[in-house]
C-alpha atoms as a PDB file:
ATOM      1  CA  MET A   1      12.493 161.667 129.788  1.00  0.00           C
ATOM      2  CA  LEU A   2      10.587 164.278 127.816  1.00  0.00           C
ATOM      3  CA  LEU A   3       9.748 167.335 129.903  1.00  0.00           C
ATOM      4  CA  GLN A   4       8.056 170.686 129.292  1.00  0.00           C
ATOM      5  CA  ILE A   5       9.556 173.521 131.330  1.00  0.00           C
ATOM      6  CA  PRO A   6       7.176 176.499 131.396  1.00  0.00           C
ATOM      7  CA  GLU A   7       8.072 180.187 131.399  1.00  0.00           C
ATOM      8  CA  VAL A   8      11.827 180.068 131.060  1.00  0.00           C
ATOM      9  CA  PHE A   9      11.211 183.592 129.784  1.00  0.00           C
ATOM     10  CA  SER A  10       8.181 185.814 130.376  1.00  0.00           C
ATOM     11  CA  LYS A  11       6.188 187.173 127.432  1.00  0.00           C
ATOM     12  CA  ALA A  12       7.849 190.569 127.846  1.00  0.00           C
ATOM     13  CA  GLU A  13      11.293 188.950 127.894  1.00  0.00           C
ATOM     14  CA  VAL A  14      10.472 186.934 124.772  1.00  0.00           C
ATOM     15  CA  ALA A  15       9.412 190.121 122.980  1.00  0.00           C
ATOM     16  CA  ALA A  16      12.727 191.751 123.892  1.00  0.00           C
ATOM     17  CA  LEU A  17      14.686 188.726 122.658  1.00  0.00           C
ATOM     18  CA  ARG A  18      12.732 188.607 119.414  1.00  0.00           C
ATOM     19  CA  ALA A  19      13.410 192.288 118.764  1.00  0.00           C
ATOM     20  CA  ARG A  20      17.130 191.463 118.807  1.00  0.00           C
ATOM     21  CA  LEU A  21      16.879 188.207 116.884  1.00  0.00           C
ATOM     22  CA  ASP A  22      14.505 189.298 114.126  1.00  0.00           C
ATOM     23  CA  ALA A  23      16.958 191.943 112.929  1.00  0.00           C
ATOM     24  CA  GLY A  24      19.816 189.461 112.902  1.00  0.00           C
ATOM     25  CA  PRO A  25      21.813 188.241 109.886  1.00  0.00           C
ATOM     26  CA  TRP A  26      19.874 185.019 109.140  1.00  0.00           C
ATOM     27  CA  ALA A  27      21.680 182.479 106.944  1.00  0.00           C
ATOM     28  CA  ASP A  28      21.356 178.905 105.638  1.00  0.00           C
ATOM     29  CA  GLY A  29      20.667 176.593 108.567  1.00  0.00           C
ATOM     30  CA  ASN A  30      22.984 173.857 107.305  1.00  0.00           C
ATOM     31  CA  ALA A  31      26.010 175.680 108.689  1.00  0.00           C
ATOM     32  CA  THR A  32      25.928 173.483 111.811  1.00  0.00           C
ATOM     33  CA  SER A  33      24.513 170.288 110.292  1.00  0.00           C
ATOM     34  CA  GLY A  34      26.103 166.897 110.440  1.00  0.00           C
ATOM     35  CA  HIS A  35      26.135 164.676 107.344  1.00  0.00           C
ATOM     36  CA  GLN A  36      22.735 163.120 108.045  1.00  0.00           C
ATOM     37  CA  SER A  37      21.056 166.366 109.080  1.00  0.00           C
ATOM     38  CA  ALA A  38      22.265 168.264 106.021  1.00  0.00           C
ATOM     39  CA  THR A  39      20.155 166.053 103.761  1.00  0.00           C
ATOM     40  CA  ALA A  40      16.992 166.669 105.812  1.00  0.00           C
ATOM     41  CA  LYS A  41      17.242 170.282 106.950  1.00  0.00           C
ATOM     42  CA  LYS A  42      15.728 173.382 105.342  1.00  0.00           C
ATOM     43  CA  ASN A  43      15.579 176.475 107.535  1.00  0.00           C
ATOM     44  CA  LEU A  44      17.380 179.663 108.455  1.00  0.00           C
ATOM     45  CA  GLN A  45      19.833 180.035 111.310  1.00  0.00           C
ATOM     46  CA  LEU A  46      21.506 182.930 113.054  1.00  0.00           C
ATOM     47  CA  PRO A  47      25.285 182.566 112.570  1.00  0.00           C
ATOM     48  CA  GLU A  48      26.737 181.589 115.932  1.00  0.00           C
ATOM     49  CA  GLU A  49      29.631 184.011 115.572  1.00  0.00           C
ATOM     50  CA  SER A  50      27.288 187.003 115.148  1.00  0.00           C
ATOM     51  CA  ASP A  51      27.106 189.521 117.992  1.00  0.00           C
ATOM     52  CA  VAL A  52      23.361 189.123 118.447  1.00  0.00           C
ATOM     53  CA  ALA A  53      23.624 185.325 118.630  1.00  0.00           C
ATOM     54  CA  LYS A  54      26.339 185.534 121.275  1.00  0.00           C
ATOM     55  CA  GLU A  55      24.384 188.106 123.291  1.00  0.00           C
ATOM     56  CA  VAL A  56      21.054 186.262 123.297  1.00  0.00           C
ATOM     57  CA  SER A  57      22.744 182.880 123.750  1.00  0.00           C
ATOM     58  CA  ALA A  58      24.314 184.116 126.993  1.00  0.00           C
ATOM     59  CA  LEU A  59      20.899 185.296 128.203  1.00  0.00           C
ATOM     60  CA  VAL A  60      19.387 181.868 127.490  1.00  0.00           C
ATOM     61  CA  VAL A  61      22.124 180.057 129.427  1.00  0.00           C
ATOM     62  CA  GLN A  62      21.707 182.482 132.325  1.00  0.00           C
ATOM     63  CA  ALA A  63      17.947 181.844 132.418  1.00  0.00           C
ATOM     64  CA  LEU A  64      18.379 178.070 132.282  1.00  0.00           C
ATOM     65  CA  ASN A  65      20.896 178.003 135.120  1.00  0.00           C
ATOM     66  CA  ALA A  66      18.460 180.050 137.214  1.00  0.00           C
ATOM     67  CA  ASN A  67      15.505 177.721 136.504  1.00  0.00           C
ATOM     68  CA  PRO A  68      15.089 175.121 139.302  1.00  0.00           C
ATOM     69  CA  MET A  69      13.089 172.655 137.196  1.00  0.00           C
ATOM     70  CA  PHE A  70      15.643 172.710 134.386  1.00  0.00           C
ATOM     71  CA  VAL A  71      18.573 172.222 136.772  1.00  0.00           C
ATOM     72  CA  ALA A  72      16.807 169.382 138.579  1.00  0.00           C
ATOM     73  CA  ALA A  73      15.910 167.577 135.350  1.00  0.00           C
ATOM     74  CA  ALA A  74      19.062 168.180 133.287  1.00  0.00           C
ATOM     75  CA  LEU A  75      21.726 168.265 136.021  1.00  0.00           C
ATOM     76  CA  PRO A  76      23.828 170.208 133.521  1.00  0.00           C
ATOM     77  CA  HIS A  77      27.580 169.803 133.364  1.00  0.00           C
ATOM     78  CA  THR A  78      28.037 171.978 130.251  1.00  0.00           C
ATOM     79  CA  ILE A  79      25.454 173.734 128.088  1.00  0.00           C
ATOM     80  CA  PHE A  80      26.642 174.132 124.516  1.00  0.00           C
ATOM     81  CA  PRO A  81      26.031 177.772 123.483  1.00  0.00           C
ATOM     82  CA  PRO A  82      22.393 177.919 122.325  1.00  0.00           C
ATOM     83  CA  LEU A  83      21.704 178.523 118.644  1.00  0.00           C
ATOM     84  CA  PHE A  84      18.700 180.102 116.912  1.00  0.00           C
ATOM     85  CA  ASN A  85      16.654 179.032 113.912  1.00  0.00           C
ATOM     86  CA  ARG A  86      13.711 180.229 111.864  1.00  0.00           C
ATOM     87  CA  TYR A  87      11.270 178.160 109.812  1.00  0.00           C
ATOM     88  CA  GLU A  88       8.913 179.741 107.252  1.00  0.00           C
ATOM     89  CA  GLY A  89       7.629 179.237 103.724  1.00  0.00           C
ATOM     90  CA  GLY A  90       7.583 175.433 103.901  1.00  0.00           C
ATOM     91  CA  ASP A  91      10.843 175.055 105.836  1.00  0.00           C
ATOM     92  CA  GLN A  92      11.175 171.779 107.714  1.00  0.00           C
ATOM     93  CA  PHE A  93      13.659 169.379 109.277  1.00  0.00           C
ATOM     94  CA  GLY A  94      13.310 165.697 108.410  1.00  0.00           C
ATOM     95  CA  LEU A  95      13.729 162.788 110.784  1.00  0.00           C
ATOM     96  CA  HIS A  96      17.213 162.680 112.305  1.00  0.00           C
ATOM     97  CA  VAL A  97      19.198 162.094 115.475  1.00  0.00           C
ATOM     98  CA  ASP A  98      21.516 164.726 116.946  1.00  0.00           C
ATOM     99  CA  ASN A  99      25.275 164.246 116.744  1.00  0.00           C
ATOM    100  CA  ALA A 100      26.742 162.470 119.760  1.00  0.00           C
ATOM    101  CA  ILE A 101      29.572 165.013 120.076  1.00  0.00           C
ATOM    102  CA  ARG A 102      29.218 168.778 119.638  1.00  0.00           C
ATOM    103  CA  GLN A 103      32.291 170.966 119.284  1.00  0.00           C
ATOM    104  CA  SER A 104      32.506 174.696 118.766  1.00  0.00           C
ATOM    105  CA  ARG A 105      33.447 175.662 115.236  1.00  0.00           C
ATOM    106  CA  ASN A 106      36.943 176.458 113.996  1.00  0.00           C
ATOM    107  CA  GLY A 107      38.633 174.370 116.668  1.00  0.00           C
ATOM    108  CA  GLY A 108      36.969 176.118 119.596  1.00  0.00           C
ATOM    109  CA  ALA A 109      37.467 174.996 123.170  1.00  0.00           C
ATOM    110  CA  ILE A 110      33.939 173.727 123.876  1.00  0.00           C
ATOM    111  CA  ARG A 111      33.334 170.032 123.266  1.00  0.00           C
ATOM    112  CA  ILE A 112      30.542 168.039 124.858  1.00  0.00           C
ATOM    113  CA  ARG A 113      28.808 164.678 124.736  1.00  0.00           C
ATOM    114  CA  SER A 114      25.211 165.492 123.814  1.00  0.00           C
ATOM    115  CA  ASP A 115      23.116 163.784 126.478  1.00  0.00           C
ATOM    116  CA  LEU A 116      20.143 166.155 126.239  1.00  0.00           C
ATOM    117  CA  SER A 117      18.614 168.365 123.577  1.00  0.00           C
ATOM    118  CA  ALA A 118      16.222 171.256 124.107  1.00  0.00           C
ATOM    119  CA  THR A 119      14.069 173.632 122.093  1.00  0.00           C
ATOM    120  CA  LEU A 120      13.031 176.985 123.530  1.00  0.00           C
ATOM    121  CA  PHE A 121      10.003 178.284 121.636  1.00  0.00           C
ATOM    122  CA  LEU A 122      10.108 182.001 120.786  1.00  0.00           C
ATOM    123  CA  SER A 123       6.954 182.206 118.626  1.00  0.00           C
ATOM    124  CA  GLU A 124       3.393 181.789 119.874  1.00  0.00           C
ATOM    125  CA  PRO A 125       1.647 178.654 118.504  1.00  0.00           C
ATOM    126  CA  GLU A 126      -1.115 180.693 116.873  1.00  0.00           C
ATOM    127  CA  ASP A 127       1.426 182.748 114.897  1.00  0.00           C
ATOM    128  CA  TYR A 128       2.322 179.885 112.549  1.00  0.00           C
ATOM    129  CA  ASP A 129       0.875 176.702 111.071  1.00  0.00           C
ATOM    130  CA  GLY A 130       2.875 173.480 111.181  1.00  0.00           C
ATOM    131  CA  GLY A 131       6.277 173.550 112.805  1.00  0.00           C
ATOM    132  CA  GLU A 132       5.543 170.870 115.397  1.00  0.00           C
ATOM    133  CA  LEU A 133       8.578 169.196 116.925  1.00  0.00           C
ATOM    134  CA  ILE A 134       7.867 165.464 116.572  1.00  0.00           C
ATOM    135  CA  ILE A 135       9.817 163.294 118.999  1.00  0.00           C
ATOM    136  CA  GLU A 136       9.758 159.535 118.504  1.00  0.00           C
ATOM    137  CA  GLU A 137       9.422 157.679 121.793  1.00  0.00           C
ATOM    138  CA  MET A 138       9.053 154.018 122.671  1.00  0.00           C
ATOM    139  CA  TYR A 139       5.292 154.435 123.038  1.00  0.00           C
ATOM    140  CA  GLY A 140       4.759 156.550 119.924  1.00  0.00           C
ATOM    141  CA  SER A 141       5.320 160.005 118.506  1.00  0.00           C
ATOM    142  CA  GLN A 142       4.934 163.133 120.625  1.00  0.00           C
ATOM    143  CA  ALA A 143       4.027 166.394 118.845  1.00  0.00           C
ATOM    144  CA  ILE A 144       5.389 169.455 120.659  1.00  0.00           C
ATOM    145  CA  LYS A 145       4.277 173.036 119.954  1.00  0.00           C
ATOM    146  CA  LEU A 146       4.650 175.186 123.057  1.00  0.00           C
ATOM    147  CA  PRO A 147       3.849 178.768 124.063  1.00  0.00           C
ATOM    148  CA  ALA A 148       6.607 181.315 123.539  1.00  0.00           C
ATOM    149  CA  GLY A 149       8.992 181.212 126.502  1.00  0.00           C
ATOM    150  CA  ASP A 150       8.468 177.498 127.222  1.00  0.00           C
ATOM    151  CA  LEU A 151      11.144 174.847 126.658  1.00  0.00           C
ATOM    152  CA  VAL A 152      11.035 171.135 125.910  1.00  0.00           C
ATOM    153  CA  LEU A 153      13.882 168.935 127.163  1.00  0.00           C
ATOM    154  CA  TYR A 154      14.475 165.455 125.745  1.00  0.00           C
ATOM    155  CA  PRO A 155      17.232 162.845 125.297  1.00  0.00           C
ATOM    156  CA  SER A 156      19.562 163.612 122.382  1.00  0.00           C
ATOM    157  CA  LYS A 157      19.382 159.965 121.321  1.00  0.00           C
ATOM    158  CA  SER A 158      15.736 160.468 120.286  1.00  0.00           C
ATOM    159  CA  LEU A 159      14.747 160.500 116.634  1.00  0.00           C
ATOM    160  CA  HIS A 160      12.942 163.768 115.946  1.00  0.00           C
ATOM    161  CA  ARG A 161      11.820 166.137 113.175  1.00  0.00           C
ATOM    162  CA  VAL A 162      10.134 169.489 112.585  1.00  0.00           C
ATOM    163  CA  THR A 163       7.059 169.513 110.340  1.00  0.00           C
ATOM    164  CA  PRO A 164       6.790 172.066 107.487  1.00  0.00           C
ATOM    165  CA  VAL A 165       5.786 175.601 108.453  1.00  0.00           C
ATOM    166  CA  THR A 166       3.062 176.620 106.005  1.00  0.00           C
ATOM    167  CA  ARG A 167       2.077 179.998 107.510  1.00  0.00           C
ATOM    168  CA  GLY A 168       3.969 182.551 109.538  1.00  0.00           C
ATOM    169  CA  ALA A 169       7.373 181.955 111.101  1.00  0.00           C
ATOM    170  CA  ARG A 170       8.573 179.616 113.831  1.00  0.00           C
ATOM    171  CA  VAL A 171      11.523 181.116 115.710  1.00  0.00           C
ATOM    172  CA  SER A 172      13.249 179.136 118.425  1.00  0.00           C
ATOM    173  CA  SER A 173      16.474 178.521 120.269  1.00  0.00           C
ATOM    174  CA  PHE A 174      17.895 175.014 120.201  1.00  0.00           C
ATOM    175  CA  MET A 175      20.716 173.577 122.250  1.00  0.00           C
ATOM    176  CA  TRP A 176      22.485 170.512 123.574  1.00  0.00           C
ATOM    177  CA  MET A 177      24.014 169.779 126.933  1.00  0.00           C
ATOM    178  CA  GLN A 178      26.204 167.261 128.680  1.00  0.00           C
ATOM    179  CA  SER A 179      24.688 166.163 131.954  1.00  0.00           C
ATOM    180  CA  LEU A 180      26.487 165.295 135.161  1.00  0.00           C
ATOM    181  CA  VAL A 181      24.543 162.008 134.924  1.00  0.00           C
ATOM    182  CA  ARG A 182      25.036 160.249 131.591  1.00  0.00           C
ATOM    183  CA  ASP A 183      22.143 157.757 131.726  1.00  0.00           C
ATOM    184  CA  ASP A 184      18.646 159.049 130.952  1.00  0.00           C
ATOM    185  CA  ALA A 185      16.915 156.550 133.259  1.00  0.00           C
ATOM    186  CA  ASP A 186      19.195 157.520 136.148  1.00  0.00           C
ATOM    187  CA  ARG A 187      18.474 161.229 135.550  1.00  0.00           C
ATOM    188  CA  GLU A 188      14.749 160.550 135.536  1.00  0.00           C
ATOM    189  CA  THR A 189      14.998 158.588 138.795  1.00  0.00           C
ATOM    190  CA  LEU A 190      16.853 161.483 140.427  1.00  0.00           C
ATOM    191  CA  PHE A 191      14.367 164.031 139.097  1.00  0.00           C
ATOM    192  CA  ARG A 192      11.349 162.090 140.383  1.00  0.00           C
ATOM    193  CA  LEU A 193      13.024 161.553 143.753  1.00  0.00           C
ATOM    194  CA  ASP A 194      13.830 165.276 143.958  1.00  0.00           C
ATOM    195  CA  ILE A 195      10.211 166.250 143.186  1.00  0.00           C
ATOM    196  CA  ALA A 196       8.845 163.719 145.701  1.00  0.00           C
ATOM    197  CA  THR A 197      11.232 164.955 148.402  1.00  0.00           C
ATOM    198  CA  GLN A 198      10.140 168.546 147.811  1.00  0.00           C
ATOM    199  CA  ARG A 199       6.497 167.474 148.077  1.00  0.00           C
ATOM    200  CA  VAL A 200       7.097 165.760 151.421  1.00  0.00           C
ATOM    201  CA  ALA A 201       9.078 168.774 152.641  1.00  0.00           C
ATOM    202  CA  SER A 202       6.216 171.128 151.765  1.00  0.00           C
ATOM    203  CA  GLU A 203       3.806 168.965 153.784  1.00  0.00           C
ATOM    204  CA  LYS A 204       5.971 168.108 156.785  1.00  0.00           C
ATOM    205  CA  GLY A 205       8.701 170.732 156.793  1.00  0.00           C
ATOM    206  CA  PRO A 206      12.384 170.512 155.838  1.00  0.00           C
ATOM    207  CA  LYS A 207      13.441 169.120 159.239  1.00  0.00           C
ATOM    208  CA  ASP A 208      11.149 166.091 159.098  1.00  0.00           C
ATOM    209  CA  GLN A 209      13.058 162.803 159.408  1.00  0.00           C
ATOM    210  CA  ALA A 210      11.631 161.444 156.142  1.00  0.00           C
ATOM    211  CA  VAL A 211      12.781 164.554 154.277  1.00  0.00           C
ATOM    212  CA  ILE A 212      16.280 164.245 155.712  1.00  0.00           C
ATOM    213  CA  GLU A 213      16.487 160.548 154.786  1.00  0.00           C
ATOM    214  CA  LEU A 214      15.115 161.084 151.270  1.00  0.00           C
ATOM    215  CA  THR A 215      17.587 163.918 150.740  1.00  0.00           C
ATOM    216  CA  GLY A 216      20.382 161.596 151.821  1.00  0.00           C
ATOM    217  CA  VAL A 217      19.258 158.922 149.359  1.00  0.00           C
ATOM    218  CA  TYR A 218      19.139 161.522 146.567  1.00  0.00           C
ATOM    219  CA  HIS A 219      22.655 162.753 147.188  1.00  0.00           C
ATOM    220  CA  ASN A 220      24.084 159.264 147.589  1.00  0.00           C
ATOM    221  CA  LEU A 221      22.596 158.238 144.236  1.00  0.00           C
ATOM    222  CA  LEU A 222      23.861 161.477 142.679  1.00  0.00           C
ATOM    223  CA  ARG A 223      27.309 160.802 144.101  1.00  0.00           C
ATOM    224  CA  ARG A 224      27.234 157.295 142.642  1.00  0.00           C
ATOM    225  CA  TRP A 225      26.099 158.276 139.142  1.00  0.00           C
ATOM    226  CA  THR A 226      27.786 161.655 138.632  1.00  0.00           C
ATOM    227  CA  GLU A 227      30.659 162.149 136.167  1.00  0.00           C
ATOM    228  CA  VAL A 228      32.629 165.372 136.651  1.00  0.00           C
END
């Protein structure tokens, strides 16, 4: 499931984040690349061990955990600490698939199975040319270029790329997460059931029998599919 999640951060919050990030110690983006990605990637990245990366990464995780749509769609078990990249002057990222396992550098304690990937846009679309995130789906390619503060969530198994940035700079946060529910189709079923239940509840009230029964079905499916 490919999903746009609007306004993870407000415009004012994005401006505050950018003020911190733009002054950061940007370096070669291949520091976190796998073998395949290293041959396709040309961008800048904020070193994950830098103070500013750690500070802003924590703010991103906090915002995601407080976002009902994100929680409902991702059902996150563990969010790998978000990273930050910058594309400008023709930078791009060729077609690739994300690594199945992500582990913190230098033998760190965090290790996840990457079920979901996400990009949080921190530049307005009109501030740069190119830089679309192209995600290959069964029914064709999807070009993603969102307003600053919006996030796109998609399965990590998807082939994807970033087109060359020919004007301005594209700054974003990117991340991976392990979900409580491994299978993408199962997660989508739960998300759609959750949204439908909320719709019925808004029309009939939370104590309506249909709402209670739908909620029971949701939790029984979640109980069946969850890995903790």
